[in-house]
């Protein structure tokens, strides 16, 4: 089969395919893709076996990451926990993957990376191989709110929600600049605790602008002080938890469990049938445990790569990098995020 490349931001067939395909998520939408281009300069592209001016039957969406630091490659998709190929026919999917291997060789890319929720057929007859594994958690929201609340861990979640209510934490949700500033303040505190640079503020501003009412910033405060915040995305019947942060001074107030409970209740009212809790690193079990305490069911999320160039000289190990970030003043710490994230997608 012939492989065709289209621009998902200008070809109206792409949003139509995303709208009707059952495997499409918020990460496939033009809003997410436009945010990636505006913030990091990545050019989104879709490869398909469907000829021009015909109905788009399938498509694999990528961004091209051009980096002198980490190498040039196709990623599906940067800063997205997962991105399922939109191809129901196994032969068509295999044809796209085979064609991509040829494209990568001609372009002399470092690698092509796929992040499918379902890896079936990704490695069949191709040279894509497993490159990373994560835990992936999801909560079924189709039951009653009483059932969902009952599935929470008693001491770690339910009691903390009740504690937050006794503390009279103030809850707010929206995507105003005021809420974004509160989220940003908490996000910087959290990234500093973990000695990791923050994503640039422009990323969150672009997401809020491009995704519109599909993005929500949830914040709880104690008096004038923001305590915890999460960002969720919504698309079709799925609610996606994407970012979370908090002020450690108020860790005993139960702010984060309350935020998830509020988001779940609002999600159900809007027709959400699942809460996608995203990926968790296997070597850092704390986040996975928290998601399981929320009632999240775990599965394996596997990324695949077709590598062309050798990896070359390895970057410094993460503990050494984190120690360097720990010594940076705030302005340099934030600036490091603006400089580095475009190389990390």
Protein backbone atom coordinates (compact mmCIF):
# COMPACT_ATOMS: atom_id res chain seq x y z
CA UNK A 1 0.00 0.00 0.00
CA UNK A 2 1.07 3.59 -0.67
CA UNK A 3 1.80 5.73 2.40
CA UNK A 4 0.46 9.29 2.48
CA UNK A 5 1.39 12.13 4.81
CA UNK A 6 -1.15 14.80 5.79
CA UNK A 7 -1.23 17.85 8.06
CA UNK A 8 -3.78 17.15 10.84
CA UNK A 9 -4.12 20.87 11.61
CA UNK A 10 -5.27 21.78 8.11
CA UNK A 11 -6.83 18.58 6.71
CA UNK A 12 -10.49 18.41 7.90
CA UNK A 13 -10.46 14.63 7.51
CA UNK A 14 -8.29 14.21 10.64
CA UNK A 15 -10.66 15.78 13.21
CA UNK A 16 -13.49 13.83 11.57
CA UNK A 17 -11.59 10.54 12.01
CA UNK A 18 -10.80 11.46 15.62
CA UNK A 19 -14.46 12.29 16.24
CA UNK A 20 -15.75 8.94 15.01
CA UNK A 21 -12.96 6.55 16.07
CA UNK A 22 -13.50 4.74 19.37
CA UNK A 23 -9.76 4.71 20.23
CA UNK A 24 -9.27 8.46 19.84
CA UNK A 25 -8.45 10.49 22.96
CA UNK A 26 -7.82 14.12 23.88
CA UNK A 27 -4.21 13.59 22.77
CA UNK A 28 -5.34 13.05 19.16
CA UNK A 29 -7.28 16.32 18.96
CA UNK A 30 -6.14 19.35 17.00
CA UNK A 31 -6.17 21.36 20.24
CA UNK A 32 -3.48 19.17 21.80
CA UNK A 33 -1.45 19.11 18.56
CA UNK A 34 -1.69 22.87 18.13
CA UNK A 35 -0.46 23.36 21.73
CA UNK A 36 2.58 21.18 21.00
CA UNK A 37 3.41 23.24 17.92
CA UNK A 38 2.89 26.62 19.59
CA UNK A 39 4.93 25.76 22.69
CA UNK A 40 7.75 23.58 21.40
CA UNK A 41 7.79 24.12 17.64
CA UNK A 42 6.96 20.48 16.90
CA UNK A 43 5.30 19.89 13.52
CA UNK A 44 2.42 17.40 13.75
CA UNK A 45 1.88 14.95 10.88
CA UNK A 46 -0.35 11.98 10.15
CA UNK A 47 0.59 8.94 8.06
CA UNK A 48 -2.21 7.01 6.40
CA UNK A 49 -2.98 4.56 3.61
CA UNK A 50 -6.00 6.64 2.55
CA UNK A 51 -5.41 8.59 -0.70
CA UNK A 52 -6.03 12.35 -0.91
CA UNK A 53 -9.67 13.45 -1.30
CA UNK A 54 -10.91 10.08 -0.03
CA UNK A 55 -12.39 9.26 3.36
CA UNK A 56 -9.67 8.94 5.98
CA UNK A 57 -9.91 5.31 7.12
CA UNK A 58 -6.84 5.28 9.35
CA UNK A 59 -4.00 7.42 10.64
CA UNK A 60 -0.96 7.45 12.93
CA UNK A 61 -0.21 10.91 14.29
CA UNK A 62 3.32 12.03 15.14
CA UNK A 63 5.30 15.12 15.96
CA UNK A 64 8.77 15.57 14.57
CA UNK A 65 11.17 16.48 17.38
CA UNK A 66 14.29 18.14 15.98
CA UNK A 67 17.00 18.34 18.62
CA UNK A 68 20.78 18.69 18.57
CA UNK A 69 20.78 17.44 22.17
CA UNK A 70 18.59 14.32 22.07
CA UNK A 71 18.42 13.58 18.34
CA UNK A 72 15.73 14.06 15.71
CA UNK A 73 12.86 11.59 15.78
CA UNK A 74 9.14 10.99 15.23
CA UNK A 75 7.16 10.60 18.48
CA UNK A 76 3.51 9.64 18.83
CA UNK A 77 3.07 11.85 20.81
CA UNK A 78 5.34 14.10 22.89
CA UNK A 79 4.15 14.74 26.47
CA UNK A 80 1.20 12.38 25.90
CA UNK A 81 0.90 9.38 28.20
CA UNK A 82 -0.48 7.32 25.33
CA UNK A 83 -1.56 7.68 21.71
CA UNK A 84 -3.29 4.72 20.12
CA UNK A 85 -2.88 4.23 16.34
CA UNK A 86 -6.24 4.89 14.71
CA UNK A 87 -6.23 1.83 12.46
CA UNK A 88 -8.74 -0.99 12.82
CA UNK A 89 -7.32 -3.16 10.05
CA UNK A 90 -4.14 -5.01 11.08
CA UNK A 91 -2.81 -5.10 7.50
CA UNK A 92 -3.29 -1.36 7.06
CA UNK A 93 -1.50 -0.71 10.37
CA UNK A 94 1.35 -2.97 9.33
CA UNK A 95 1.63 -1.17 6.00
CA UNK A 96 1.86 2.21 7.75
CA UNK A 97 4.54 0.95 10.14
CA UNK A 98 6.55 -0.61 7.34
CA UNK A 99 6.33 2.61 5.34
CA UNK A 100 7.42 4.62 8.37
CA UNK A 101 10.54 2.51 8.70
CA UNK A 102 11.50 3.50 5.16
CA UNK A 103 10.77 7.17 5.90
CA UNK A 104 12.94 7.03 9.02
CA UNK A 105 15.85 5.52 7.11
CA UNK A 106 15.65 8.17 4.38
CA UNK A 107 15.31 11.00 6.90
CA UNK A 108 18.15 9.56 9.01
CA UNK A 109 16.07 9.87 12.16
CA UNK A 110 17.35 8.58 15.47
CA UNK A 111 14.16 6.59 16.07
CA UNK A 112 10.38 6.43 15.76
CA UNK A 113 8.44 6.00 19.01
CA UNK A 114 4.90 4.69 19.49
CA UNK A 115 2.93 4.96 22.73
CA UNK A 116 -0.09 2.71 22.18
CA UNK A 117 -2.55 1.72 24.89
CA UNK A 118 -2.98 -1.58 23.05
CA UNK A 119 0.26 -2.96 21.58
CA UNK A 120 -1.41 -5.70 19.53
CA UNK A 121 -0.12 -5.75 15.93
CA UNK A 122 2.48 -3.00 16.61
CA UNK A 123 5.35 -5.48 16.53
CA UNK A 124 3.82 -7.96 14.06
CA UNK A 125 6.11 -8.15 11.02
CA UNK A 126 7.85 -4.86 11.91
CA UNK A 127 11.14 -3.85 13.46
CA UNK A 128 9.51 -1.98 16.33
CA UNK A 129 10.55 -3.29 19.73
CA UNK A 130 9.66 -2.57 23.34
CA UNK A 131 11.60 0.38 24.77
CA UNK A 132 9.82 1.25 28.04
CA UNK A 133 7.04 0.03 30.32
CA UNK A 134 4.83 1.86 32.79
CA UNK A 135 1.87 1.18 35.03
CA UNK A 136 -1.38 2.58 33.68
CA UNK A 137 -4.41 3.12 35.93
CA UNK A 138 -8.04 3.77 35.10
CA UNK A 139 -11.23 4.10 37.17
CA UNK A 140 -14.60 2.93 35.86
CA UNK A 141 -17.07 5.76 36.47
CA UNK A 142 -20.18 3.98 35.27
CA UNK A 143 -21.21 2.90 38.78
CA UNK A 144 -22.94 5.09 41.32
CA UNK A 145 -21.05 7.80 43.19
CA UNK A 146 -21.63 5.79 46.37
CA UNK A 147 -19.93 2.75 44.82
CA UNK A 148 -16.99 4.81 43.56
CA UNK A 149 -16.56 6.47 46.99
CA UNK A 150 -16.76 3.04 48.61
CA UNK A 151 -13.91 1.81 46.40
CA UNK A 152 -11.59 4.47 47.80
CA UNK A 153 -9.08 3.34 50.41
CA UNK A 154 -10.60 4.11 53.80
CA UNK A 155 -7.72 5.74 55.67
CA UNK A 156 -5.75 7.08 52.69
CA UNK A 157 -8.62 8.59 50.68
CA UNK A 158 -12.05 8.58 52.35
CA UNK A 159 -10.86 9.87 55.72
CA UNK A 160 -8.75 12.53 54.04
CA UNK A 161 -11.74 13.73 52.01
CA UNK A 162 -13.74 14.07 55.23
CA UNK A 163 -10.76 15.87 56.81
CA UNK A 164 -10.66 18.31 53.88
CA UNK A 165 -14.36 19.01 54.35
CA UNK A 166 -13.84 19.67 58.07
CA UNK A 167 -10.95 21.99 57.20
CA UNK A 168 -13.44 23.90 55.02
CA UNK A 169 -11.14 23.94 52.03
CA UNK A 170 -12.43 26.15 49.25
CA UNK A 171 -12.84 24.41 45.88
CA UNK A 172 -12.80 26.16 42.52
CA UNK A 173 -12.66 24.92 38.94
CA UNK A 174 -12.28 26.60 35.57
CA UNK A 175 -9.48 27.82 33.33
CA UNK A 176 -9.14 31.46 34.34
CA UNK A 177 -5.79 33.18 34.59
CA UNK A 178 -6.27 33.37 38.37
CA UNK A 179 -6.60 29.58 38.63
CA UNK A 180 -3.68 29.10 36.27
CA UNK A 181 -1.48 31.31 38.46
CA UNK A 182 -2.44 29.28 41.54
CA UNK A 183 -1.70 26.05 39.71
CA UNK A 184 1.62 27.43 38.49
CA UNK A 185 2.64 28.43 42.04
CA UNK A 186 1.90 24.93 43.35
CA UNK A 187 3.48 23.30 40.31
CA UNK A 188 6.77 25.12 40.88
CA UNK A 189 6.76 24.05 44.55
CA UNK A 190 6.16 20.42 43.58
CA UNK A 191 8.78 20.30 40.85
CA UNK A 192 11.25 21.90 43.24
CA UNK A 193 10.53 19.15 45.81
CA UNK A 194 11.33 16.54 43.16
CA UNK A 195 14.32 18.51 41.81
CA UNK A 196 12.88 18.48 38.30
CA UNK A 197 12.46 21.61 36.14
CA UNK A 198 8.89 22.74 35.41
CA UNK A 199 7.27 22.79 32.01
CA UNK A 200 7.09 26.38 30.71
CA UNK A 201 4.09 28.50 31.62
CA UNK A 202 3.41 28.93 27.89
CA UNK A 203 2.60 25.20 27.66
CA UNK A 204 -0.26 25.51 30.14
CA UNK A 205 -1.49 28.78 28.65
CA UNK A 206 -1.54 27.22 25.18
CA UNK A 207 -3.36 24.13 26.45
CA UNK A 208 -6.01 26.26 28.11
CA UNK A 209 -6.42 28.36 24.97
CA UNK A 210 -6.38 25.52 22.41
CA UNK A 211 -8.42 22.95 24.34
CA UNK A 212 -11.00 25.41 25.65
CA UNK A 213 -13.65 23.83 27.87
CA UNK A 214 -12.03 20.40 27.43
CA UNK A 215 -9.42 21.52 29.99
CA UNK A 216 -10.21 22.20 33.65
CA UNK A 217 -7.97 23.56 36.40
CA UNK A 218 -9.13 22.33 39.81
CA UNK A 219 -7.82 24.14 42.91
CA UNK A 220 -8.49 23.81 46.64
CA UNK A 221 -7.39 26.56 49.01
CA UNK A 222 -7.26 27.11 52.76
CA UNK A 223 -8.19 30.71 53.21
CA UNK A 224 -6.03 32.71 50.77
CA UNK A 225 -3.46 29.92 50.34
CA UNK A 226 -3.75 27.43 47.46
CA UNK A 227 -3.28 23.91 48.86
CA UNK A 228 -3.44 21.56 45.87
CA UNK A 229 -4.35 21.59 42.19
CA UNK A 230 -4.90 19.17 39.32
CA UNK A 231 -5.48 19.65 35.60
CA UNK A 232 -7.92 17.35 33.82
CA UNK A 233 -8.80 16.94 30.16
CA UNK A 234 -12.11 15.65 28.87
CA UNK A 235 -12.96 14.07 25.55
CA UNK A 236 -16.02 12.02 24.63
CA UNK A 237 -16.68 9.78 27.66
CA UNK A 238 -13.16 9.95 29.10
CA UNK A 239 -11.82 12.22 31.83
CA UNK A 240 -8.01 12.39 31.91
CA UNK A 241 -5.90 13.39 34.90
CA UNK A 242 -2.81 15.08 33.44
CA UNK A 243 -1.00 17.21 36.05
CA UNK A 244 -1.07 17.47 39.83
CA UNK A 245 0.72 19.57 42.43
CA UNK A 246 0.46 20.67 46.05
CA UNK A 247 1.97 22.71 48.88
CA UNK A 248 3.68 20.31 51.32
CA UNK A 249 2.83 22.61 54.25
CA UNK A 250 -0.82 21.57 53.90
CA UNK A 251 -0.26 17.87 53.20
CA UNK A 252 -2.44 16.82 56.16
CA UNK A 253 -5.47 18.77 54.95
CA UNK A 254 -6.60 16.16 52.42
CA UNK A 255 -6.61 18.59 49.50
CA UNK A 256 -5.52 16.20 46.75
CA UNK A 257 -8.04 13.40 47.56
CA UNK A 258 -10.78 16.05 47.70
CA UNK A 259 -9.78 17.35 44.26
CA UNK A 260 -10.09 13.89 42.69
CA UNK A 261 -13.44 13.30 44.36
CA UNK A 262 -14.77 16.64 43.09
CA UNK A 263 -13.41 15.97 39.58
CA UNK A 264 -15.03 12.51 39.54
CA UNK A 265 -18.41 13.88 40.61
CA UNK A 266 -18.29 16.63 37.98
CA UNK A 267 -17.06 14.19 35.35
CA UNK A 268 -19.98 11.85 35.97
CA UNK A 269 -22.40 14.76 35.72
CA UNK A 270 -20.89 15.57 32.30
CA UNK A 271 -21.22 11.98 31.06
CA UNK A 272 -17.70 10.65 31.74
CA UNK A 273 -17.53 6.87 31.96
CA UNK A 274 -13.86 6.50 32.91
CA UNK A 275 -11.11 8.42 34.66
CA UNK A 276 -7.76 7.94 32.95
CA UNK A 277 -5.13 8.36 35.68
CA UNK A 278 -2.22 8.18 33.24
CA UNK A 279 1.11 6.44 33.48
CA UNK A 280 3.34 5.83 36.51
CA UNK A 281 7.03 4.87 36.54
CA UNK A 282 7.54 1.30 37.69
CA UNK A 283 10.59 2.26 39.76
CA UNK A 284 8.66 4.93 41.71
CA UNK A 285 5.75 2.98 43.23
CA UNK A 286 4.36 5.79 45.39
CA UNK A 287 2.23 7.27 42.60
CA UNK A 288 0.89 3.85 41.60
CA UNK A 289 -0.10 3.13 45.19
CA UNK A 290 -1.98 6.43 45.42
CA UNK A 291 -3.86 5.65 42.19
CA UNK A 292 -4.75 2.18 43.48
CA UNK A 293 -6.04 3.78 46.70
CA UNK A 294 -8.36 5.85 44.46
CA UNK A 295 -9.72 2.59 43.05
CA UNK A 296 -7.67 2.65 39.87
CA UNK A 297 -7.21 -0.67 38.09
CA UNK A 298 -3.67 -1.22 36.82
CA UNK A 299 -2.46 -2.50 33.46
CA UNK A 300 0.84 -2.35 31.59
CA UNK A 301 1.55 0.50 29.20
CA UNK A 302 4.36 -0.34 26.75
CA UNK A 303 6.16 2.04 24.40
CA UNK A 304 7.81 0.79 21.19
CA UNK A 305 10.62 2.14 19.04
CA UNK A 306 12.13 1.55 15.67
CA UNK A 307 15.72 2.71 16.19
CA UNK A 308 17.98 3.74 13.34
CA UNK A 309 20.94 5.47 14.97
CA UNK A 310 22.87 4.20 18.01
CA UNK A 311 22.07 6.00 21.23
CA UNK A 312 25.56 7.47 21.44
CA UNK A 313 27.07 8.86 24.60
CA UNK A 314 24.59 8.48 27.48
CA UNK A 315 23.29 11.54 29.29
CA UNK A 316 24.20 11.97 32.98
CA UNK A 317 22.19 9.75 35.30
CA UNK A 318 19.00 11.26 36.74
CA UNK A 319 20.27 11.57 40.38
CA UNK A 320 23.18 13.72 39.20
CA UNK A 321 20.88 15.91 37.10
CA UNK A 322 18.46 16.32 40.00
CA UNK A 323 21.24 17.39 42.35
CA UNK A 324 22.23 20.07 39.84
CA UNK A 325 18.64 21.34 39.65
CA UNK A 326 18.43 21.42 43.46
CA UNK A 327 21.19 24.06 43.59
CA UNK A 328 19.64 26.35 40.98
CA UNK A 329 17.97 29.64 42.00
CA UNK A 330 14.28 29.90 41.07
CA UNK A 331 14.81 32.01 37.93
CA UNK A 332 17.40 29.61 36.54
CA UNK A 333 15.29 26.61 37.63
CA UNK A 334 12.30 27.84 35.58
CA UNK A 335 14.55 28.85 32.70
CA UNK A 336 15.98 25.32 32.57
CA UNK A 337 12.50 24.00 31.91
CA UNK A 338 11.93 26.44 29.05
CA UNK A 339 15.21 25.40 27.46
CA UNK A 340 15.11 21.64 28.04
CA UNK A 341 11.55 20.47 27.49
CA UNK A 342 11.57 21.04 23.75
CA UNK A 343 14.40 18.45 23.59
CA UNK A 344 12.55 15.94 25.80
CA UNK A 345 9.29 15.26 23.99
